């Protein structure tokens, strides 16, 4: 039971860090001296189509990572280590 609880706490902290980073990134995008927090890169691939005559599948993956997300996820992991 505690292993499941610890996993849920970790997932919650990481997701909260990602959401908080998106919110703070939107709020600080107009502030000149905090603009470096929103610098980031996109990782992923464009649409890949798989045609099986009966079914056609399309796959796409794109993820954008910025400095603020990395910092807050690291802080969430440190907080999890302290909580655990």
PDB file of N, CA and C in Angstrom:
ATOM      1  N   UNK A   1       0.819  -1.200   0.000  1.00  0.00           N
ATOM      2  CA  UNK A   1       0.000   0.000   0.000  1.00  0.00           C
ATOM      3  C   UNK A   1       0.858   1.258   0.000  1.00  0.00           C
ATOM      4  N   UNK A   2       1.931   1.280   0.759  1.00  0.00           N
ATOM      5  CA  UNK A   2       2.750   2.479   0.827  1.00  0.00           C
ATOM      6  C   UNK A   2       3.511   2.713  -0.473  1.00  0.00           C
ATOM      7  N   UNK A   3       3.852   1.638  -1.206  1.00  0.00           N
ATOM      8  CA  UNK A   3       4.532   1.814  -2.486  1.00  0.00           C
ATOM      9  C   UNK A   3       3.613   2.502  -3.485  1.00  0.00           C
ATOM     10  N   UNK A   4       2.348   2.109  -3.496  1.00  0.00           N
ATOM     11  CA  UNK A   4       1.365   2.752  -4.370  1.00  0.00           C
ATOM     12  C   UNK A   4       1.168   4.208  -3.969  1.00  0.00           C
ATOM     13  N   UNK A   5       1.112   4.456  -2.677  1.00  0.00           N
ATOM     14  CA  UNK A   5       0.945   5.820  -2.171  1.00  0.00           C
ATOM     15  C   UNK A   5       2.143   6.687  -2.563  1.00  0.00           C
ATOM     16  N   UNK A   6       3.349   6.155  -2.426  1.00  0.00           N
ATOM     17  CA  UNK A   6       4.554   6.894  -2.800  1.00  0.00           C
ATOM     18  C   UNK A   6       4.576   7.201  -4.299  1.00  0.00           C
ATOM     19  N   UNK A   7       4.152   6.235  -5.102  1.00  0.00           N
ATOM     20  CA  UNK A   7       4.105   6.457  -6.551  1.00  0.00           C
ATOM     21  C   UNK A   7       3.102   7.541  -6.904  1.00  0.00           C
ATOM     22  N   UNK A   8       1.945   7.516  -6.262  1.00  0.00           N
ATOM     23  CA  UNK A   8       0.937   8.545  -6.518  1.00  0.00           C
ATOM     24  C   UNK A   8       1.420   9.929  -6.093  1.00  0.00           C
ATOM     25  N   UNK A   9       2.127   9.992  -4.993  1.00  0.00           N
ATOM     26  CA  UNK A   9       2.682  11.277  -4.539  1.00  0.00           C
ATOM     27  C   UNK A   9       3.700  11.792  -5.553  1.00  0.00           C
ATOM     28  N   UNK A  10       4.560  10.915  -6.055  1.00  0.00           N
ATOM     29  CA  UNK A  10       5.548  11.314  -7.047  1.00  0.00           C
ATOM     30  C   UNK A  10       4.883  11.815  -8.327  1.00  0.00           C
ATOM     31  N   UNK A  11       3.891  11.086  -8.815  1.00  0.00           N
ATOM     32  CA  UNK A  11       3.184  11.503 -10.029  1.00  0.00           C
ATOM     33  C   UNK A  11       2.493  12.841  -9.810  1.00  0.00           C
ATOM     34  N   UNK A  12       1.853  13.011  -8.663  1.00  0.00           N
ATOM     35  CA  UNK A  12       1.189  14.278  -8.368  1.00  0.00           C
ATOM     36  C   UNK A  12       2.181  15.437  -8.331  1.00  0.00           C
ATOM     37  N   UNK A  13       3.318  15.249  -7.677  1.00  0.00           N
ATOM     38  CA  UNK A  13       4.301  16.327  -7.578  1.00  0.00           C
ATOM     39  C   UNK A  13       4.863  16.706  -8.946  1.00  0.00           C
ATOM     40  N   UNK A  14       5.144  15.718  -9.780  1.00  0.00           N
ATOM     41  CA  UNK A  14       5.691  16.016 -11.112  1.00  0.00           C
ATOM     42  C   UNK A  14       4.643  16.714 -11.975  1.00  0.00           C
ATOM     43  N   UNK A  15       3.399  16.232 -11.949  1.00  0.00           N
ATOM     44  CA  UNK A  15       2.345  16.889 -12.723  1.00  0.00           C
ATOM     45  C   UNK A  15       2.064  18.300 -12.210  1.00  0.00           C
ATOM     46  N   UNK A  16       2.091  18.479 -10.911  1.00  0.00           N
ATOM     47  CA  UNK A  16       1.900  19.818 -10.346  1.00  0.00           C
ATOM     48  C   UNK A  16       3.029  20.747 -10.772  1.00  0.00           C
ATOM     49  N   UNK A  17       4.246  20.238 -10.827  1.00  0.00           N
ATOM     50  CA  UNK A  17       5.382  21.055 -11.264  1.00  0.00           C
ATOM     51  C   UNK A  17       5.225  21.459 -12.721  1.00  0.00           C
ATOM     52  N   UNK A  18       4.748  20.553 -13.572  1.00  0.00           N
ATOM     53  CA  UNK A  18       4.565  20.867 -14.994  1.00  0.00           C
ATOM     54  C   UNK A  18       3.478  21.916 -15.172  1.00  0.00           C
ATOM     55  N   UNK A  19       2.361  21.757 -14.462  1.00  0.00           N
ATOM     56  CA  UNK A  19       1.264  22.729 -14.569  1.00  0.00           C
ATOM     57  C   UNK A  19       1.691  24.085 -14.020  1.00  0.00           C
ATOM     58  N   UNK A  20       2.377  24.087 -12.895  1.00  0.00           N
ATOM     59  CA  UNK A  20       2.861  25.338 -12.307  1.00  0.00           C
ATOM     60  C   UNK A  20       3.864  26.022 -13.234  1.00  0.00           C
ATOM     61  N   UNK A  21       4.711  25.246 -13.884  1.00  0.00           N
ATOM     62  CA  UNK A  21       5.679  25.818 -14.827  1.00  0.00           C
ATOM     63  C   UNK A  21       4.971  26.453 -16.022  1.00  0.00           C
ATOM     64  N   UNK A  22       3.917  25.821 -16.500  1.00  0.00           N
ATOM     65  CA  UNK A  22       3.162  26.402 -17.615  1.00  0.00           C
ATOM     66  C   UNK A  22       2.500  27.710 -17.197  1.00  0.00           C
ATOM     67  N   UNK A  23       1.936  27.732 -16.000  1.00  0.00           N
ATOM     68  CA  UNK A  23       1.278  28.942 -15.500  1.00  0.00           C
ATOM     69  C   UNK A  23       2.277  30.075 -15.288  1.00  0.00           C
ATOM     70  N   UNK A  24       3.362  29.784 -14.601  1.00  0.00           N
ATOM     71  CA  UNK A  24       4.369  30.819 -14.342  1.00  0.00           C
ATOM     72  C   UNK A  24       5.028  31.253 -15.650  1.00  0.00           C
ATOM     73  N   UNK A  25       5.213  30.330 -16.577  1.00  0.00           N
ATOM     74  CA  UNK A  25       5.776  30.680 -17.884  1.00  0.00           C
ATOM     75  C   UNK A  25       4.893  31.656 -18.645  1.00  0.00           C
ATOM     76  N   UNK A  26       3.590  31.451 -18.595  1.00  0.00           N
ATOM     77  CA  UNK A  26       2.662  32.381 -19.240  1.00  0.00           C
ATOM     78  C   UNK A  26       2.689  33.753 -18.557  1.00  0.00           C
ATOM     79  N   UNK A  27       2.775  33.748 -17.245  1.00  0.00           N
ATOM     80  CA  UNK A  27       2.768  35.021 -16.511  1.00  0.00           C
ATOM     81  C   UNK A  27       4.061  35.808 -16.687  1.00  0.00           C
ATOM     82  N   UNK A  28       5.193  35.116 -16.840  1.00  0.00           N
ATOM     83  CA  UNK A  28       6.479  35.810 -16.941  1.00  0.00           C
ATOM     84  C   UNK A  28       6.953  36.007 -18.377  1.00  0.00           C
ATOM     85  N   UNK A  29       6.169  35.609 -19.363  1.00  0.00           N
ATOM     86  CA  UNK A  29       6.617  35.742 -20.751  1.00  0.00           C
ATOM     87  C   UNK A  29       6.752  37.206 -21.175  1.00  0.00           C
ATOM     88  N   UNK A  30       6.022  38.100 -20.546  1.00  0.00           N
ATOM     89  CA  UNK A  30       6.108  39.506 -20.887  1.00  0.00           C
ATOM     90  C   UNK A  30       7.145  40.280 -20.088  1.00  0.00           C
ATOM     91  N   UNK A  31       7.683  39.682 -19.043  1.00  0.00           N
ATOM     92  CA  UNK A  31       8.674  40.334 -18.192  1.00  0.00           C
ATOM     93  C   UNK A  31      10.054  40.100 -18.796  1.00  0.00           C
ATOM     94  N   UNK A  32      10.741  41.179 -19.118  1.00  0.00           N
ATOM     95  CA  UNK A  32      12.000  41.080 -19.873  1.00  0.00           C
ATOM     96  C   UNK A  32      13.093  40.312 -19.142  1.00  0.00           C
ATOM     97  N   UNK A  33      13.303  40.573 -17.847  1.00  0.00           N
ATOM     98  CA  UNK A  33      14.413  39.921 -17.151  1.00  0.00           C
ATOM     99  C   UNK A  33      14.080  38.486 -16.725  1.00  0.00           C
ATOM    100  N   UNK A  34      12.832  38.038 -16.904  1.00  0.00           N
ATOM    101  CA  UNK A  34      12.464  36.653 -16.611  1.00  0.00           C
ATOM    102  C   UNK A  34      12.173  35.851 -17.884  1.00  0.00           C
ATOM    103  N   UNK A  35      12.426  36.447 -19.023  1.00  0.00           N
ATOM    104  CA  UNK A  35      12.121  35.785 -20.289  1.00  0.00           C
ATOM    105  C   UNK A  35      12.962  34.529 -20.498  1.00  0.00           C
ATOM    106  N   UNK A  36      14.130  34.444 -19.886  1.00  0.00           N
ATOM    107  CA  UNK A  36      14.995  33.270 -20.052  1.00  0.00           C
ATOM    108  C   UNK A  36      14.358  32.016 -19.459  1.00  0.00           C
ATOM    109  N   UNK A  37      13.412  32.173 -18.528  1.00  0.00           N
ATOM    110  CA  UNK A  37      12.737  31.014 -17.950  1.00  0.00           C
ATOM    111  C   UNK A  37      11.872  30.278 -18.963  1.00  0.00           C
ATOM    112  N   UNK A  38      11.403  30.994 -19.977  1.00  0.00           N
ATOM    113  CA  UNK A  38      10.524  30.380 -20.969  1.00  0.00           C
ATOM    114  C   UNK A  38      11.281  29.879 -22.192  1.00  0.00           C
ATOM    115  N   UNK A  39      12.603  29.983 -22.191  1.00  0.00           N
ATOM    116  CA  UNK A  39      13.375  29.481 -23.321  1.00  0.00           C
ATOM    117  C   UNK A  39      13.333  27.964 -23.302  1.00  0.00           C
ATOM    118  N   UNK A  40      13.101  27.383 -24.465  1.00  0.00           N
ATOM    119  CA  UNK A  40      13.046  25.930 -24.521  1.00  0.00           C
ATOM    120  C   UNK A  40      13.072  25.418 -25.949  1.00  0.00           C
ATOM    121  N   UNK A  41      13.002  24.132 -26.070  1.00  0.00           N
ATOM    122  CA  UNK A  41      13.047  23.450 -27.361  1.00  0.00           C
ATOM    123  C   UNK A  41      11.895  22.461 -27.460  1.00  0.00           C
ATOM    124  N   UNK A  42      11.517  22.165 -28.707  1.00  0.00           N
ATOM    125  CA  UNK A  42      10.509  21.147 -28.968  1.00  0.00           C
ATOM    126  C   UNK A  42      11.192  19.840 -29.335  1.00  0.00           C
ATOM    127  N   UNK A  43      10.673  18.767 -28.802  1.00  0.00           N
ATOM    128  CA  UNK A  43      11.195  17.432 -29.077  1.00  0.00           C
ATOM    129  C   UNK A  43      10.035  16.606 -29.608  1.00  0.00           C
ATOM    130  N   UNK A  44      10.276  15.825 -30.642  1.00  0.00           N
ATOM    131  CA  UNK A  44       9.222  14.951 -31.126  1.00  0.00           C
ATOM    132  C   UNK A  44       9.347  14.660 -32.602  1.00  0.00           C
ATOM    133  N   UNK A  45       8.304  14.071 -33.155  1.00  0.00           N
ATOM    134  CA  UNK A  45       8.266  13.769 -34.569  1.00  0.00           C
ATOM    135  C   UNK A  45       6.883  14.095 -35.113  1.00  0.00           C
ATOM    136  N   UNK A  46       6.839  14.410 -36.400  1.00  0.00           N
ATOM    137  CA  UNK A  46       5.571  14.738 -37.043  1.00  0.00           C
ATOM    138  C   UNK A  46       4.776  13.474 -37.325  1.00  0.00           C
ATOM    139  N   UNK A  47       3.679  13.651 -37.969  1.00  0.00           N
ATOM    140  CA  UNK A  47       2.741  12.574 -38.199  1.00  0.00           C
ATOM    141  C   UNK A  47       3.360  11.427 -38.996  1.00  0.00           C
ATOM    142  N   UNK A  48       3.176  10.227 -38.476  1.00  0.00           N
ATOM    143  CA  UNK A  48       3.575   9.000 -39.160  1.00  0.00           C
ATOM    144  C   UNK A  48       2.290   8.233 -39.447  1.00  0.00           C
ATOM    145  N   UNK A  49       2.057   7.918 -40.705  1.00  0.00           N
ATOM    146  CA  UNK A  49       0.833   7.227 -41.096  1.00  0.00           C
ATOM    147  C   UNK A  49       1.097   5.746 -41.312  1.00  0.00           C
ATOM    148  N   UNK A  50       0.160   4.938 -40.859  1.00  0.00           N
ATOM    149  CA  UNK A  50       0.217   3.498 -41.051  1.00  0.00           C
ATOM    150  C   UNK A  50      -1.101   3.079 -41.686  1.00  0.00           C
ATOM    151  N   UNK A  51      -1.037   2.638 -42.941  1.00  0.00           N
ATOM    152  CA  UNK A  51      -2.237   2.262 -43.672  1.00  0.00           C
ATOM    153  C   UNK A  51      -2.288   0.743 -43.769  1.00  0.00           C
ATOM    154  N   UNK A  52      -3.286   0.144 -43.138  1.00  0.00           N
ATOM    155  CA  UNK A  52      -3.452  -1.301 -43.133  1.00  0.00           C
ATOM    156  C   UNK A  52      -4.647  -1.737 -43.982  1.00  0.00           C
ATOM    157  N   UNK A  53      -5.002  -0.965 -44.974  1.00  0.00           N
ATOM    158  CA  UNK A  53      -6.139  -1.187 -45.872  1.00  0.00           C
ATOM    159  C   UNK A  53      -7.480  -1.050 -45.162  1.00  0.00           C
ATOM    160  N   UNK A  54      -7.644  -1.657 -44.019  1.00  0.00           N
ATOM    161  CA  UNK A  54      -8.906  -1.571 -43.297  1.00  0.00           C
ATOM    162  C   UNK A  54      -8.881  -0.394 -42.322  1.00  0.00           C
ATOM    163  N   UNK A  55      -7.750  -0.237 -41.681  1.00  0.00           N
ATOM    164  CA  UNK A  55      -7.587   0.812 -40.666  1.00  0.00           C
ATOM    165  C   UNK A  55      -6.382   1.667 -41.038  1.00  0.00           C
ATOM    166  N   UNK A  56      -6.558   2.966 -40.885  1.00  0.00           N
ATOM    167  CA  UNK A  56      -5.438   3.879 -41.092  1.00  0.00           C
ATOM    168  C   UNK A  56      -5.140   4.567 -39.763  1.00  0.00           C
ATOM    169  N   UNK A  57      -3.902   4.426 -39.316  1.00  0.00           N
ATOM    170  CA  UNK A  57      -3.477   5.006 -38.047  1.00  0.00           C
ATOM    171  C   UNK A  57      -2.484   6.122 -38.291  1.00  0.00           C
ATOM    172  N   UNK A  58      -2.578   7.161 -37.479  1.00  0.00           N
ATOM    173  CA  UNK A  58      -1.639   8.275 -37.542  1.00  0.00           C
ATOM    174  C   UNK A  58      -1.061   8.494 -36.151  1.00  0.00           C
ATOM    175  N   UNK A  59       0.250   8.597 -36.074  1.00  0.00           N
ATOM    176  CA  UNK A  59       0.944   8.828 -34.813  1.00  0.00           C
ATOM    177  C   UNK A  59       1.719  10.133 -34.898  1.00  0.00           C
ATOM    178  N   UNK A  60       1.702  10.874 -33.810  1.00  0.00           N
ATOM    179  CA  UNK A  60       2.466  12.109 -33.727  1.00  0.00           C
ATOM    180  C   UNK A  60       2.835  12.325 -32.258  1.00  0.00           C
ATOM    181  N   UNK A  61       4.012  12.852 -32.043  1.00  0.00           N
ATOM    182  CA  UNK A  61       4.467  13.124 -30.680  1.00  0.00           C
ATOM    183  C   UNK A  61       5.260  14.416 -30.688  1.00  0.00           C
ATOM    184  N   UNK A  62       4.896  15.334 -29.812  1.00  0.00           N
ATOM    185  CA  UNK A  62       5.633  16.582 -29.685  1.00  0.00           C
ATOM    186  C   UNK A  62       5.579  17.027 -28.239  1.00  0.00           C
ATOM    187  N   UNK A  63       6.727  17.401 -27.724  1.00  0.00           N
ATOM    188  CA  UNK A  63       6.827  17.844 -26.349  1.00  0.00           C
ATOM    189  C   UNK A  63       7.732  19.069 -26.314  1.00  0.00           C
ATOM    190  N   UNK A  64       7.295  20.088 -25.622  1.00  0.00           N
ATOM    191  CA  UNK A  64       8.106  21.295 -25.502  1.00  0.00           C
ATOM    192  C   UNK A  64       8.609  21.401 -24.070  1.00  0.00           C
ATOM    193  N   UNK A  65       9.906  21.529 -23.920  1.00  0.00           N
ATOM    194  CA  UNK A  65      10.533  21.607 -22.605  1.00  0.00           C
ATOM    195  C   UNK A  65      11.196  22.971 -22.479  1.00  0.00           C
ATOM    196  N   UNK A  66      10.968  23.629 -21.333  1.00  0.00           N
ATOM    197  CA  UNK A  66      11.647  24.905 -21.109  1.00  0.00           C
ATOM    198  C   UNK A  66      12.405  24.877 -19.782  1.00  0.00           C
ATOM    199  N   UNK A  67      13.150  25.911 -19.530  1.00  0.00           N
ATOM    200  CA  UNK A  67      14.024  25.985 -18.362  1.00  0.00           C
ATOM    201  C   UNK A  67      13.215  25.907 -17.069  1.00  0.00           C
ATOM    202  N   UNK A  68      12.101  26.597 -17.032  1.00  0.00           N
ATOM    203  CA  UNK A  68      11.281  26.618 -15.822  1.00  0.00           C
ATOM    204  C   UNK A  68      10.737  25.234 -15.498  1.00  0.00           C
ATOM    205  N   UNK A  69      10.334  24.472 -16.509  1.00  0.00           N
ATOM    206  CA  UNK A  69       9.849  23.115 -16.268  1.00  0.00           C
ATOM    207  C   UNK A  69      10.945  22.236 -15.681  1.00  0.00           C
ATOM    208  N   UNK A  70      12.140  22.347 -16.207  1.00  0.00           N
ATOM    209  CA  UNK A  70      13.248  21.543 -15.699  1.00  0.00           C
ATOM    210  C   UNK A  70      13.526  21.898 -14.238  1.00  0.00           C
ATOM    211  N   UNK A  71      13.539  23.182 -13.925  1.00  0.00           N
ATOM    212  CA  UNK A  71      13.803  23.607 -12.549  1.00  0.00           C
ATOM    213  C   UNK A  71      12.718  23.137 -11.588  1.00  0.00           C
ATOM    214  N   UNK A  72      11.457  23.267 -11.993  1.00  0.00           N
ATOM    215  CA  UNK A  72      10.374  22.877 -11.089  1.00  0.00           C
ATOM    216  C   UNK A  72      10.242  21.367 -10.957  1.00  0.00           C
ATOM    217  N   UNK A  73      10.532  20.615 -12.005  1.00  0.00           N
ATOM    218  CA  UNK A  73      10.510  19.154 -11.887  1.00  0.00           C
ATOM    219  C   UNK A  73      11.640  18.698 -10.968  1.00  0.00           C
ATOM    220  N   UNK A  74      12.807  19.322 -11.079  1.00  0.00           N
ATOM    221  CA  UNK A  74      13.911  18.994 -10.171  1.00  0.00           C
ATOM    222  C   UNK A  74      13.527  19.317  -8.725  1.00  0.00           C
ATOM    223  N   UNK A  75      12.862  20.447  -8.520  1.00  0.00           N
ATOM    224  CA  UNK A  75      12.414  20.808  -7.174  1.00  0.00           C
ATOM    225  C   UNK A  75      11.372  19.812  -6.665  1.00  0.00           C
ATOM    226  N   UNK A  76      10.484  19.345  -7.545  1.00  0.00           N
ATOM    227  CA  UNK A  76       9.482  18.358  -7.152  1.00  0.00           C
ATOM    228  C   UNK A  76      10.133  17.037  -6.753  1.00  0.00           C
ATOM    229  N   UNK A  77      11.167  16.640  -7.485  1.00  0.00           N
ATOM    230  CA  UNK A  77      11.875  15.404  -7.150  1.00  0.00           C
ATOM    231  C   UNK A  77      12.612  15.520  -5.816  1.00  0.00           C
ATOM    232  N   UNK A  78      13.193  16.688  -5.568  1.00  0.00           N
ATOM    233  CA  UNK A  78      13.848  16.911  -4.270  1.00  0.00           C
ATOM    234  C   UNK A  78      12.835  16.916  -3.127  1.00  0.00           C
ATOM    235  N   UNK A  79      11.675  17.515  -3.368  1.00  0.00           N
ATOM    236  CA  UNK A  79      10.610  17.520  -2.364  1.00  0.00           C
ATOM    237  C   UNK A  79      10.114  16.108  -2.106  1.00  0.00           C
ATOM    238  N   UNK A  80       9.974  15.318  -3.156  1.00  0.00           N
ATOM    239  CA  UNK A  80       9.552  13.919  -2.997  1.00  0.00           C
ATOM    240  C   UNK A  80      10.570  13.135  -2.166  1.00  0.00           C
ATOM    241  N   UNK A  81      11.839  13.364  -2.434  1.00  0.00           N
ATOM    242  CA  UNK A  81      12.881  12.669  -1.668  1.00  0.00           C
ATOM    243  C   UNK A  81      12.824  13.047  -0.198  1.00  0.00           C
ATOM    244  N   UNK A  82      12.522  14.321   0.070  1.00  0.00           N
ATOM    245  CA  UNK A  82      12.424  14.789   1.452  1.00  0.00           C
ATOM    246  C   UNK A  82      11.171  14.232   2.127  1.00  0.00           C
ATOM    247  N   UNK A  83      10.077  14.133   1.396  1.00  0.00           N
ATOM    248  CA  UNK A  83       8.822  13.601   1.942  1.00  0.00           C
ATOM    249  C   UNK A  83       8.945  12.113   2.224  1.00  0.00           C
ATOM    250  N   UNK A  84       9.561  11.406   1.292  1.00  0.00           N
ATOM    251  CA  UNK A  84       9.684   9.955   1.405  1.00  0.00           C
ATOM    252  C   UNK A  84      10.570   9.620   2.574  1.00  0.00           C
TER     253      UNK A  84
END
